C-alpha atoms as a PDB file:
ATOM      1  CA  MET A   1     -43.083 155.589 -26.599  1.00  0.00           C
ATOM      2  CA  SER A   2     -46.273 157.536 -25.698  1.00  0.00           C
ATOM      3  CA  ALA A   3     -50.021 157.490 -26.536  1.00  0.00           C
ATOM      4  CA  LEU A   4     -52.708 160.060 -25.878  1.00  0.00           C
ATOM      5  CA  LEU A   5     -56.057 158.843 -24.660  1.00  0.00           C
ATOM      6  CA  PHE A   6     -59.459 160.782 -24.739  1.00  0.00           C
ATOM      7  CA  PRO A   7     -62.429 159.822 -22.472  1.00  0.00           C
ATOM      8  CA  GLY A   8     -65.966 159.180 -23.386  1.00  0.00           C
ATOM      9  CA  GLN A   9     -69.319 159.506 -21.725  1.00  0.00           C
ATOM     10  CA  GLY A  10     -69.583 159.017 -17.999  1.00  0.00           C
ATOM     11  CA  SER A  11     -66.534 161.311 -17.196  1.00  0.00           C
ATOM     12  CA  GLN A  12     -68.565 164.403 -17.305  1.00  0.00           C
ATOM     13  CA  ILE A  13     -68.998 166.717 -14.228  1.00  0.00           C
ATOM     14  CA  VAL A  14     -70.290 170.194 -13.765  1.00  0.00           C
ATOM     15  CA  GLY A  15     -67.173 172.586 -13.579  1.00  0.00           C
ATOM     16  CA  MET A  16     -64.844 170.335 -15.660  1.00  0.00           C
ATOM     17  CA  GLY A  17     -62.261 172.393 -17.419  1.00  0.00           C
ATOM     18  CA  SER A  18     -63.041 175.543 -15.272  1.00  0.00           C
ATOM     19  CA  GLU A  19     -59.461 176.064 -14.114  1.00  0.00           C
ATOM     20  CA  PHE A  20     -58.292 176.015 -17.736  1.00  0.00           C
ATOM     21  CA  TYR A  21     -61.144 178.422 -18.751  1.00  0.00           C
ATOM     22  CA  LYS A  22     -60.258 180.875 -16.069  1.00  0.00           C
ATOM     23  CA  ASN A  23     -56.538 180.917 -16.801  1.00  0.00           C
ATOM     24  CA  PHE A  24     -56.222 180.719 -20.688  1.00  0.00           C
ATOM     25  CA  ASP A  25     -57.648 182.884 -23.435  1.00  0.00           C
ATOM     26  CA  ILE A  26     -57.297 180.032 -25.919  1.00  0.00           C
ATOM     27  CA  VAL A  27     -59.819 177.960 -23.829  1.00  0.00           C
ATOM     28  CA  LYS A  28     -62.335 180.822 -23.668  1.00  0.00           C
ATOM     29  CA  LYS A  29     -62.082 181.012 -27.546  1.00  0.00           C
ATOM     30  CA  ILE A  30     -62.648 177.164 -27.840  1.00  0.00           C
ATOM     31  CA  PHE A  31     -65.698 177.309 -25.502  1.00  0.00           C
ATOM     32  CA  LYS A  32     -67.110 180.279 -27.581  1.00  0.00           C
ATOM     33  CA  GLN A  33     -66.530 178.287 -30.737  1.00  0.00           C
ATOM     34  CA  ALA A  34     -68.623 175.514 -29.324  1.00  0.00           C
ATOM     35  CA  ASP A  35     -71.312 177.847 -28.292  1.00  0.00           C
ATOM     36  CA  ASP A  36     -71.561 179.479 -31.647  1.00  0.00           C
ATOM     37  CA  GLU A  37     -71.629 176.076 -33.478  1.00  0.00           C
ATOM     38  CA  LEU A  38     -74.446 174.782 -31.313  1.00  0.00           C
ATOM     39  CA  ASN A  39     -76.384 178.055 -31.061  1.00  0.00           C
ATOM     40  CA  PHE A  40     -76.744 177.767 -27.286  1.00  0.00           C
ATOM     41  CA  SER A  41     -74.316 178.117 -24.375  1.00  0.00           C
ATOM     42  CA  ILE A  42     -72.768 174.764 -23.784  1.00  0.00           C
ATOM     43  CA  SER A  43     -70.092 176.703 -21.938  1.00  0.00           C
ATOM     44  CA  ASN A  44     -72.445 177.713 -19.115  1.00  0.00           C
ATOM     45  CA  MET A  45     -73.657 174.098 -18.989  1.00  0.00           C
ATOM     46  CA  ILE A  46     -70.125 172.799 -18.626  1.00  0.00           C
ATOM     47  CA  LEU A  47     -68.994 175.372 -16.119  1.00  0.00           C
ATOM     48  CA  GLU A  48     -72.188 175.944 -14.038  1.00  0.00           C
ATOM     49  CA  GLY A  49     -74.683 173.224 -14.916  1.00  0.00           C
ATOM     50  CA  PRO A  50     -77.357 172.311 -14.254  1.00  0.00           C
ATOM     51  CA  ALA A  51     -76.141 168.709 -13.957  1.00  0.00           C
ATOM     52  CA  ASP A  52     -79.413 167.144 -15.399  1.00  0.00           C
ATOM     53  CA  LYS A  53     -78.838 169.161 -18.676  1.00  0.00           C
ATOM     54  CA  LEU A  54     -75.275 168.326 -18.884  1.00  0.00           C
ATOM     55  CA  GLN A  55     -76.119 164.611 -18.481  1.00  0.00           C
ATOM     56  CA  LEU A  56     -78.279 164.617 -21.605  1.00  0.00           C
ATOM     57  CA  THR A  57     -76.363 162.606 -24.198  1.00  0.00           C
ATOM     58  CA  LYS A  58     -76.706 165.366 -26.860  1.00  0.00           C
ATOM     59  CA  ASN A  59     -74.986 167.778 -24.529  1.00  0.00           C
ATOM     60  CA  THR A  60     -72.497 165.476 -22.771  1.00  0.00           C
ATOM     61  CA  GLN A  61     -70.778 164.426 -26.045  1.00  0.00           C
ATOM     62  CA  PRO A  62     -69.837 167.892 -27.339  1.00  0.00           C
ATOM     63  CA  ALA A  63     -69.101 169.004 -23.631  1.00  0.00           C
ATOM     64  CA  ILE A  64     -66.440 166.370 -23.154  1.00  0.00           C
ATOM     65  CA  LEU A  65     -64.938 167.057 -26.566  1.00  0.00           C
ATOM     66  CA  THR A  66     -64.786 170.780 -25.768  1.00  0.00           C
ATOM     67  CA  VAL A  67     -62.885 170.085 -22.463  1.00  0.00           C
ATOM     68  CA  SER A  68     -60.569 167.493 -23.971  1.00  0.00           C
ATOM     69  CA  PHE A  69     -59.630 169.723 -26.957  1.00  0.00           C
ATOM     70  CA  SER A  70     -59.124 172.693 -24.617  1.00  0.00           C
ATOM     71  CA  ILE A  71     -56.602 170.773 -22.410  1.00  0.00           C
ATOM     72  CA  PHE A  72     -54.864 169.450 -25.585  1.00  0.00           C
ATOM     73  CA  LYS A  73     -54.407 173.046 -26.849  1.00  0.00           C
ATOM     74  CA  VAL A  74     -53.171 174.323 -23.533  1.00  0.00           C
ATOM     75  CA  LEU A  75     -50.555 171.389 -23.415  1.00  0.00           C
ATOM     76  CA  LYS A  76     -49.461 172.182 -26.943  1.00  0.00           C
ATOM     77  CA  GLU A  77     -49.504 176.026 -27.198  1.00  0.00           C
ATOM     78  CA  GLU A  78     -49.037 177.162 -23.584  1.00  0.00           C
ATOM     79  CA  PHE A  79     -46.674 174.478 -22.295  1.00  0.00           C
ATOM     80  CA  GLY A  80     -44.957 173.529 -25.594  1.00  0.00           C
ATOM     81  CA  PHE A  81     -45.727 169.870 -25.670  1.00  0.00           C
ATOM     82  CA  ASN A  82     -44.699 168.155 -28.937  1.00  0.00           C
ATOM     83  CA  PHE A  83     -47.250 165.516 -29.781  1.00  0.00           C
ATOM     84  CA  ASP A  84     -45.606 164.772 -33.140  1.00  0.00           C
ATOM     85  CA  THR A  85     -43.403 162.320 -31.346  1.00  0.00           C
ATOM     86  CA  PHE A  86     -46.461 160.225 -30.036  1.00  0.00           C
ATOM     87  CA  LYS A  87     -47.114 156.909 -31.504  1.00  0.00           C
ATOM     88  CA  PHE A  88     -50.863 156.783 -31.271  1.00  0.00           C
ATOM     89  CA  PHE A  89     -54.000 158.662 -30.311  1.00  0.00           C
ATOM     90  CA  ALA A  90     -57.103 156.769 -29.209  1.00  0.00           C
ATOM     91  CA  GLY A  91     -60.535 157.799 -27.791  1.00  0.00           C
ATOM     92  CA  HIS A  92     -63.259 155.843 -25.935  1.00  0.00           C
ATOM     93  CA  SER A  93     -66.482 156.049 -27.993  1.00  0.00           C
ATOM     94  CA  LEU A  94     -67.011 159.817 -28.427  1.00  0.00           C
ATOM     95  CA  GLY A  95     -63.389 160.259 -27.426  1.00  0.00           C
ATOM     96  CA  GLU A  96     -62.444 159.026 -30.887  1.00  0.00           C
ATOM     97  CA  TYR A  97     -63.833 162.342 -32.201  1.00  0.00           C
ATOM     98  CA  SER A  98     -61.485 164.201 -29.769  1.00  0.00           C
ATOM     99  CA  ALA A  99     -58.665 162.104 -31.042  1.00  0.00           C
ATOM    100  CA  LEU A 100     -59.504 162.934 -34.698  1.00  0.00           C
ATOM    101  CA  VAL A 101     -59.732 166.667 -33.856  1.00  0.00           C
ATOM    102  CA  CYS A 102     -56.333 166.614 -32.112  1.00  0.00           C
ATOM    103  CA  SER A 103     -54.672 164.826 -34.994  1.00  0.00           C
ATOM    104  CA  ASN A 104     -55.908 167.356 -37.590  1.00  0.00           C
ATOM    105  CA  SER A 105     -58.287 164.986 -39.265  1.00  0.00           C
ATOM    106  CA  LEU A 106     -61.557 166.748 -38.253  1.00  0.00           C
ATOM    107  CA  LYS A 107     -62.198 170.467 -37.510  1.00  0.00           C
ATOM    108  CA  PHE A 108     -63.293 171.219 -34.019  1.00  0.00           C
ATOM    109  CA  ASN A 109     -66.574 172.937 -35.005  1.00  0.00           C
ATOM    110  CA  ASP A 110     -67.482 170.007 -37.180  1.00  0.00           C
ATOM    111  CA  ALA A 111     -66.853 167.611 -34.418  1.00  0.00           C
ATOM    112  CA  VAL A 112     -69.047 169.616 -31.948  1.00  0.00           C
ATOM    113  CA  PHE A 113     -71.908 169.568 -34.432  1.00  0.00           C
ATOM    114  CA  LEU A 114     -71.479 165.783 -35.328  1.00  0.00           C
ATOM    115  CA  LEU A 115     -71.335 164.849 -31.591  1.00  0.00           C
ATOM    116  CA  HIS A 116     -74.420 166.926 -30.741  1.00  0.00           C
ATOM    117  CA  GLU A 117     -76.301 165.127 -33.613  1.00  0.00           C
ATOM    118  CA  ARG A 118     -74.792 161.849 -32.668  1.00  0.00           C
ATOM    119  CA  GLY A 119     -76.028 162.219 -29.014  1.00  0.00           C
ATOM    120  CA  ARG A 120     -79.515 163.224 -30.213  1.00  0.00           C
ATOM    121  CA  SER A 121     -79.805 160.429 -32.757  1.00  0.00           C
ATOM    122  CA  MET A 122     -78.660 157.795 -30.251  1.00  0.00           C
ATOM    123  CA  GLN A 123     -81.133 158.988 -27.640  1.00  0.00           C
ATOM    124  CA  GLU A 124     -83.974 158.952 -30.223  1.00  0.00           C
ATOM    125  CA  ALA A 125     -83.099 155.489 -31.519  1.00  0.00           C
ATOM    126  CA  VAL A 126     -84.801 153.673 -28.710  1.00  0.00           C
ATOM    127  CA  PRO A 127     -87.760 155.087 -26.558  1.00  0.00           C
ATOM    128  CA  VAL A 128     -86.738 156.057 -23.018  1.00  0.00           C
ATOM    129  CA  GLY A 129     -87.175 153.089 -20.607  1.00  0.00           C
ATOM    130  CA  LYS A 130     -86.919 150.440 -23.315  1.00  0.00           C
ATOM    131  CA  GLY A 131     -83.290 149.912 -23.230  1.00  0.00           C
ATOM    132  CA  SER A 132     -80.826 149.009 -20.501  1.00  0.00           C
ATOM    133  CA  MET A 133     -77.090 148.668 -19.875  1.00  0.00           C
ATOM    134  CA  ILE A 134     -75.152 146.931 -17.060  1.00  0.00           C
ATOM    135  CA  ALA A 135     -71.548 146.484 -16.023  1.00  0.00           C
ATOM    136  CA  VAL A 136     -70.322 142.869 -15.490  1.00  0.00           C
ATOM    137  CA  LEU A 137     -67.387 142.534 -13.173  1.00  0.00           C
ATOM    138  CA  GLY A 138     -64.848 139.701 -13.005  1.00  0.00           C
ATOM    139  CA  LEU A 139     -65.658 137.782 -16.136  1.00  0.00           C
ATOM    140  CA  LYS A 140     -63.719 137.457 -19.514  1.00  0.00           C
ATOM    141  CA  THR A 141     -65.363 138.531 -22.742  1.00  0.00           C
ATOM    142  CA  GLU A 142     -65.402 134.926 -24.070  1.00  0.00           C
ATOM    143  CA  GLU A 143     -67.279 133.795 -20.839  1.00  0.00           C
ATOM    144  CA  ILE A 144     -69.941 136.499 -21.234  1.00  0.00           C
ATOM    145  CA  ASN A 145     -70.426 135.796 -24.895  1.00  0.00           C
ATOM    146  CA  ASN A 146     -71.049 132.034 -23.990  1.00  0.00           C
ATOM    147  CA  LEU A 147     -73.560 133.044 -21.233  1.00  0.00           C
ATOM    148  CA  ILE A 148     -75.441 135.377 -23.692  1.00  0.00           C
ATOM    149  CA  LEU A 149     -75.516 132.529 -26.264  1.00  0.00           C
ATOM    150  CA  SER A 150     -76.796 130.189 -23.577  1.00  0.00           C
ATOM    151  CA  LEU A 151     -79.969 132.339 -23.020  1.00  0.00           C
ATOM    152  CA  LYS A 152     -81.029 131.561 -26.504  1.00  0.00           C
ATOM    153  CA  LEU A 153     -82.665 134.904 -27.133  1.00  0.00           C
ATOM    154  CA  LYS A 154     -84.794 134.821 -30.261  1.00  0.00           C
ATOM    155  CA  ASN A 155     -85.968 138.341 -30.639  1.00  0.00           C
ATOM    156  CA  GLY A 156     -84.238 140.254 -27.914  1.00  0.00           C
ATOM    157  CA  VAL A 157     -81.016 142.135 -27.912  1.00  0.00           C
ATOM    158  CA  CYS A 158     -78.231 141.532 -25.397  1.00  0.00           C
ATOM    159  CA  GLU A 159     -74.777 142.397 -26.635  1.00  0.00           C
ATOM    160  CA  ILE A 160     -71.284 143.484 -25.452  1.00  0.00           C
ATOM    161  CA  ALA A 161     -71.246 147.281 -25.671  1.00  0.00           C
ATOM    162  CA  ASN A 162     -67.812 148.006 -24.217  1.00  0.00           C
ATOM    163  CA  ASP A 163     -65.012 145.617 -23.643  1.00  0.00           C
ATOM    164  CA  ASN A 164     -63.316 148.060 -21.346  1.00  0.00           C
ATOM    165  CA  ALA A 165     -60.675 146.251 -19.303  1.00  0.00           C
ATOM    166  CA  ASP A 166     -59.867 142.925 -17.751  1.00  0.00           C
ATOM    167  CA  GLY A 167     -62.967 142.040 -15.655  1.00  0.00           C
ATOM    168  CA  GLN A 168     -65.002 145.044 -16.755  1.00  0.00           C
ATOM    169  CA  VAL A 169     -67.399 144.657 -19.540  1.00  0.00           C
ATOM    170  CA  ILE A 170     -70.555 146.496 -20.428  1.00  0.00           C
ATOM    171  CA  ILE A 171     -73.726 144.853 -21.806  1.00  0.00           C
ATOM    172  CA  SER A 172     -76.347 146.667 -23.700  1.00  0.00           C
ATOM    173  CA  GLY A 173     -79.729 145.798 -25.124  1.00  0.00           C
ATOM    174  CA  ASP A 174     -83.455 145.823 -24.620  1.00  0.00           C
ATOM    175  CA  LYS A 175     -84.620 145.985 -21.033  1.00  0.00           C
ATOM    176  CA  ASN A 176     -86.155 142.568 -20.875  1.00  0.00           C
ATOM    177  CA  SER A 177     -83.199 140.649 -22.315  1.00  0.00           C
ATOM    178  CA  VAL A 178     -80.622 142.554 -20.163  1.00  0.00           C
ATOM    179  CA  GLN A 179     -82.764 141.797 -17.131  1.00  0.00           C
ATOM    180  CA  LEU A 180     -82.776 138.138 -18.055  1.00  0.00           C
ATOM    181  CA  PHE A 181     -79.045 138.172 -18.495  1.00  0.00           C
ATOM    182  CA  SER A 182     -78.699 139.913 -15.077  1.00  0.00           C
ATOM    183  CA  SER A 183     -80.712 137.324 -13.350  1.00  0.00           C
ATOM    184  CA  SER A 184     -78.552 134.577 -14.914  1.00  0.00           C
ATOM    185  CA  LEU A 185     -75.451 136.286 -13.525  1.00  0.00           C
ATOM    186  CA  LYS A 186     -76.958 136.455 -10.078  1.00  0.00           C
ATOM    187  CA  GLU A 187     -77.738 132.758 -10.202  1.00  0.00           C
ATOM    188  CA  ARG A 188     -73.980 132.252 -10.759  1.00  0.00           C
ATOM    189  CA  LYS A 189     -73.164 134.758  -8.093  1.00  0.00           C
ATOM    190  CA  ILE A 190     -71.529 137.082 -10.623  1.00  0.00           C
ATOM    191  CA  LYS A 191     -71.666 140.735  -9.821  1.00  0.00           C
ATOM    192  CA  SER A 192     -73.275 143.245 -12.232  1.00  0.00           C
ATOM    193  CA  ILE A 193     -74.139 146.800 -11.830  1.00  0.00           C
ATOM    194  CA  PRO A 194     -77.015 148.706 -13.668  1.00  0.00           C
ATOM    195  CA  LEU A 195     -75.849 151.879 -15.368  1.00  0.00           C
ATOM    196  CA  LYS A 196     -77.849 155.129 -15.294  1.00  0.00           C
ATOM    197  CA  VAL A 197     -77.966 155.755 -19.032  1.00  0.00           C
ATOM    198  CA  SER A 198     -80.702 157.264 -21.255  1.00  0.00           C
ATOM    199  CA  ALA A 199     -80.269 154.659 -24.077  1.00  0.00           C
ATOM    200  CA  PRO A 200     -78.641 151.248 -24.759  1.00  0.00           C
ATOM    201  CA  PHE A 201     -75.481 152.453 -26.496  1.00  0.00           C
ATOM    202  CA  HIS A 202     -73.124 150.373 -28.765  1.00  0.00           C
ATOM    203  CA  CYS A 203     -75.613 147.587 -29.662  1.00  0.00           C
ATOM    204  CA  SER A 204     -77.705 146.747 -32.714  1.00  0.00           C
ATOM    205  CA  LEU A 205     -80.565 148.832 -31.395  1.00  0.00           C
ATOM    206  CA  MET A 206     -78.445 151.797 -32.373  1.00  0.00           C
ATOM    207  CA  LYS A 207     -78.664 151.058 -36.080  1.00  0.00           C
ATOM    208  CA  PRO A 208     -81.217 153.742 -36.736  1.00  0.00           C
ATOM    209  CA  ALA A 209     -78.810 156.319 -35.180  1.00  0.00           C
ATOM    210  CA  ALA A 210     -76.069 154.945 -37.358  1.00  0.00           C
ATOM    211  CA  LYS A 211     -78.249 155.560 -40.454  1.00  0.00           C
ATOM    212  CA  VAL A 212     -78.904 159.128 -39.438  1.00  0.00           C
ATOM    213  CA  MET A 213     -75.287 159.764 -38.765  1.00  0.00           C
ATOM    214  CA  GLU A 214     -73.976 158.169 -41.898  1.00  0.00           C
ATOM    215  CA  GLU A 215     -75.446 160.999 -43.996  1.00  0.00           C
ATOM    216  CA  LYS A 216     -74.035 163.647 -41.641  1.00  0.00           C
ATOM    217  CA  ILE A 217     -70.582 162.099 -41.426  1.00  0.00           C
ATOM    218  CA  ASN A 218     -70.163 161.580 -45.146  1.00  0.00           C
ATOM    219  CA  LYS A 219     -71.096 165.294 -45.723  1.00  0.00           C
ATOM    220  CA  THR A 220     -68.241 166.421 -43.376  1.00  0.00           C
ATOM    221  CA  LEU A 221     -64.753 166.898 -44.500  1.00  0.00           C
ATOM    222  CA  PHE A 222     -62.190 164.588 -42.917  1.00  0.00           C
ATOM    223  CA  LYS A 223     -58.503 164.594 -43.631  1.00  0.00           C
ATOM    224  CA  ASP A 224     -56.051 161.786 -42.996  1.00  0.00           C
ATOM    225  CA  PRO A 225     -54.838 162.134 -39.379  1.00  0.00           C
ATOM    226  CA  SER A 226     -51.415 163.231 -38.600  1.00  0.00           C
ATOM    227  CA  ILE A 227     -51.017 160.559 -35.904  1.00  0.00           C
ATOM    228  CA  LYS A 228     -52.261 157.023 -36.188  1.00  0.00           C
ATOM    229  CA  ILE A 229     -55.764 156.633 -34.574  1.00  0.00           C
ATOM    230  CA  ILE A 230     -56.631 153.364 -33.045  1.00  0.00           C
ATOM    231  CA  ASN A 231     -60.325 152.958 -33.829  1.00  0.00           C
ATOM    232  CA  ASN A 232     -62.814 151.425 -31.440  1.00  0.00           C
ATOM    233  CA  VAL A 233     -64.384 148.958 -33.965  1.00  0.00           C
ATOM    234  CA  THR A 234     -61.238 146.902 -35.079  1.00  0.00           C
ATOM    235  CA  ALA A 235     -58.846 148.072 -32.174  1.00  0.00           C
ATOM    236  CA  SER A 236     -56.232 148.659 -34.933  1.00  0.00           C
ATOM    237  CA  PRO A 237     -54.698 151.840 -36.407  1.00  0.00           C
ATOM    238  CA  GLU A 238     -56.408 153.724 -39.251  1.00  0.00           C
ATOM    239  CA  ILE A 239     -55.076 156.737 -41.142  1.00  0.00           C
ATOM    240  CA  ASN A 240     -57.425 156.620 -44.181  1.00  0.00           C
ATOM    241  CA  SER A 241     -60.085 159.329 -43.877  1.00  0.00           C
ATOM    242  CA  ASP A 242     -62.704 157.480 -45.964  1.00  0.00           C
ATOM    243  CA  LYS A 243     -62.234 154.293 -43.814  1.00  0.00           C
ATOM    244  CA  ILE A 244     -62.369 156.438 -40.646  1.00  0.00           C
ATOM    245  CA  LYS A 245     -65.806 157.811 -41.737  1.00  0.00           C
ATOM    246  CA  LYS A 246     -67.258 154.268 -42.214  1.00  0.00           C
ATOM    247  CA  LEU A 247     -65.677 153.144 -38.890  1.00  0.00           C
ATOM    248  CA  LEU A 248     -67.292 156.067 -37.050  1.00  0.00           C
ATOM    249  CA  VAL A 249     -70.784 155.090 -38.407  1.00  0.00           C
ATOM    250  CA  ASP A 250     -70.197 151.369 -37.429  1.00  0.00           C
ATOM    251  CA  GLN A 251     -68.903 152.382 -34.009  1.00  0.00           C
ATOM    252  CA  ILE A 252     -72.378 153.630 -33.109  1.00  0.00           C
ATOM    253  CA  TYR A 253     -73.861 150.131 -32.888  1.00  0.00           C
ATOM    254  CA  SER A 254     -70.612 148.095 -32.455  1.00  0.00           C
ATOM    255  CA  THR A 255     -68.538 146.939 -29.421  1.00  0.00           C
ATOM    256  CA  VAL A 256     -66.010 149.515 -28.202  1.00  0.00           C
ATOM    257  CA  LYS A 257     -62.923 147.281 -28.053  1.00  0.00           C
ATOM    258  CA  TRP A 258     -61.044 149.387 -25.532  1.00  0.00           C
ATOM    259  CA  ARG A 259     -59.166 146.472 -23.839  1.00  0.00           C
ATOM    260  CA  GLN A 260     -57.802 145.374 -27.256  1.00  0.00           C
ATOM    261  CA  THR A 261     -57.009 148.902 -28.205  1.00  0.00           C
ATOM    262  CA  LEU A 262     -54.780 149.240 -24.964  1.00  0.00           C
ATOM    263  CA  MET A 263     -53.228 145.725 -25.649  1.00  0.00           C
ATOM    264  CA  TYR A 264     -52.419 146.783 -29.277  1.00  0.00           C
ATOM    265  CA  MET A 265     -50.605 149.977 -28.136  1.00  0.00           C
ATOM    266  CA  SER A 266     -48.711 148.114 -25.354  1.00  0.00           C
ATOM    267  CA  ASN A 267     -47.655 145.365 -27.785  1.00  0.00           C
ATOM    268  CA  ALA A 268     -46.492 148.164 -30.185  1.00  0.00           C
ATOM    269  CA  GLY A 269     -44.128 149.500 -27.370  1.00  0.00           C
ATOM    270  CA  VAL A 270     -46.193 152.225 -25.705  1.00  0.00           C
ATOM    271  CA  THR A 271     -45.203 152.685 -22.072  1.00  0.00           C
ATOM    272  CA  ASN A 272     -46.522 156.251 -21.367  1.00  0.00           C
ATOM    273  CA  PHE A 273     -50.277 156.611 -21.536  1.00  0.00           C
ATOM    274  CA  ILE A 274     -51.621 160.112 -21.113  1.00  0.00           C
ATOM    275  CA  GLU A 275     -55.434 160.792 -20.560  1.00  0.00           C
ATOM    276  CA  ILE A 276     -56.590 164.211 -21.479  1.00  0.00           C
ATOM    277  CA  GLY A 277     -60.066 165.208 -20.407  1.00  0.00           C
ATOM    278  CA  PRO A 278     -62.357 165.061 -17.399  1.00  0.00           C
ATOM    279  CA  GLY A 279     -61.907 162.113 -14.893  1.00  0.00           C
ATOM    280  CA  LYS A 280     -59.364 159.351 -14.586  1.00  0.00           C
ATOM    281  CA  VAL A 281     -61.410 156.415 -15.960  1.00  0.00           C
ATOM    282  CA  LEU A 282     -59.198 155.441 -18.841  1.00  0.00           C
ATOM    283  CA  SER A 283     -56.068 155.456 -16.648  1.00  0.00           C
ATOM    284  CA  GLY A 284     -57.759 152.926 -14.304  1.00  0.00           C
ATOM    285  CA  MET A 285     -58.475 150.798 -17.346  1.00  0.00           C
ATOM    286  CA  VAL A 286     -54.804 150.921 -18.463  1.00  0.00           C
ATOM    287  CA  LYS A 287     -53.740 149.714 -15.034  1.00  0.00           C
ATOM    288  CA  ARG A 288     -56.166 146.911 -15.020  1.00  0.00           C
ATOM    289  CA  THR A 289     -55.403 145.604 -18.488  1.00  0.00           C
ATOM    290  CA  ILE A 290     -51.685 146.068 -18.887  1.00  0.00           C
ATOM    291  CA  LYS A 291     -49.787 143.992 -16.630  1.00  0.00           C
ATOM    292  CA  LYS A 292     -46.244 145.053 -17.396  1.00  0.00           C
ATOM    293  CA  SER A 293     -44.887 148.378 -15.983  1.00  0.00           C
ATOM    294  CA  VAL A 294     -46.341 151.439 -17.724  1.00  0.00           C
ATOM    295  CA  ASN A 295     -46.762 155.082 -16.750  1.00  0.00           C
ATOM    296  CA  CYS A 296     -50.242 156.652 -16.600  1.00  0.00           C
ATOM    297  CA  PHE A 297     -51.004 160.352 -16.361  1.00  0.00           C
ATOM    298  CA  SER A 298     -54.552 161.970 -16.052  1.00  0.00           C
ATOM    299  CA  ILE A 299     -54.487 165.617 -16.995  1.00  0.00           C
ATOM    300  CA  ASN A 300     -57.260 167.604 -15.283  1.00  0.00           C
ATOM    301  CA  SER A 301     -55.529 170.590 -13.783  1.00  0.00           C
ATOM    302  CA  ILE A 302     -52.590 172.876 -14.370  1.00  0.00           C
ATOM    303  CA  ALA A 303     -50.732 171.017 -11.569  1.00  0.00           C
ATOM    304  CA  ASP A 304     -51.247 167.774 -13.570  1.00  0.00           C
ATOM    305  CA  ILE A 305     -49.584 169.372 -16.496  1.00  0.00           C
ATOM    306  CA  LYS A 306     -46.634 170.607 -14.425  1.00  0.00           C
ATOM    307  CA  ASN A 307     -46.139 167.100 -13.031  1.00  0.00           C
ATOM    308  CA  LEU A 308     -46.296 165.576 -16.462  1.00  0.00           C
ATOM    309  CA  LYS A 309     -43.720 168.179 -17.745  1.00  0.00           C
ATOM    310  CA  ASN A 310     -41.368 167.259 -14.870  1.00  0.00           C
ATOM    311  CA  GLU A 311     -41.641 163.494 -15.658  1.00  0.00           C
ATOM    312  CA  PHE A 312     -41.031 163.994 -19.444  1.00  0.00           C
ATOM    313  CA  GLU A 313     -38.042 166.266 -18.846  1.00  0.00           C
ATOM    314  CA  LYS A 314     -36.348 163.775 -16.421  1.00  0.00           C
END
């Protein structure tokens, strides 16, 4: 049993998807569609940079979608992969939009528009320098929650943004509260790493962004997906388009329950996890979280597709 995974922010790199762009007309068409929707050349930004512009959240989000969707279409239309047999699709944060596009729930151009707006509204929700995010290594979610409660923050925000994998949890909030939490970890000799992000994503400080996006999402046509989507907010499958809309709004300020998503799929019998898009981050999370034997594939090149095809034809 197989599941398709789509990466989120942090996987971007200048030149991602370039091999597919050079070799397949279908990818050139997808890149042009993204350019036309945004009224600027996101294609050039993806293929040539500059890196600092690609790193802006409003550009990163539609860029990763564009590359992920391109690889999906190459797999399906050029290499004949049948995704109808797949049990689940799931995406990490913005990757959920990629999953919805690939399951025919959301049109690609609508998703490009929504992600550009989502990135902009998330950036504008908190002034630059006022928020912070850190990765905490080696602790369980419950232990982190207990530590946050022990700080007894009255007005500050310090919340779990991403429950990514066993021993890898991301904290988000206002700068002072997150620094206080970081100092508390240091006293306990627990390792944490500050993240280079432009805003504190997936915490209650993002509620203004959710309000902006609620209107835009509700105006957009969504259909029930053809494959079950495991959503980030509840880590359970959803196929009702109206509920999916609400969950996409909630997702902006809620914890991304990725570890629970992987466990749900594993418990449902998934043994093949295929990551489509830039990087190999999600495959690493699968290996850290699911202790029993599973197969992980990261698809970033034509050679990766050929290896995958060989494995599936055995």
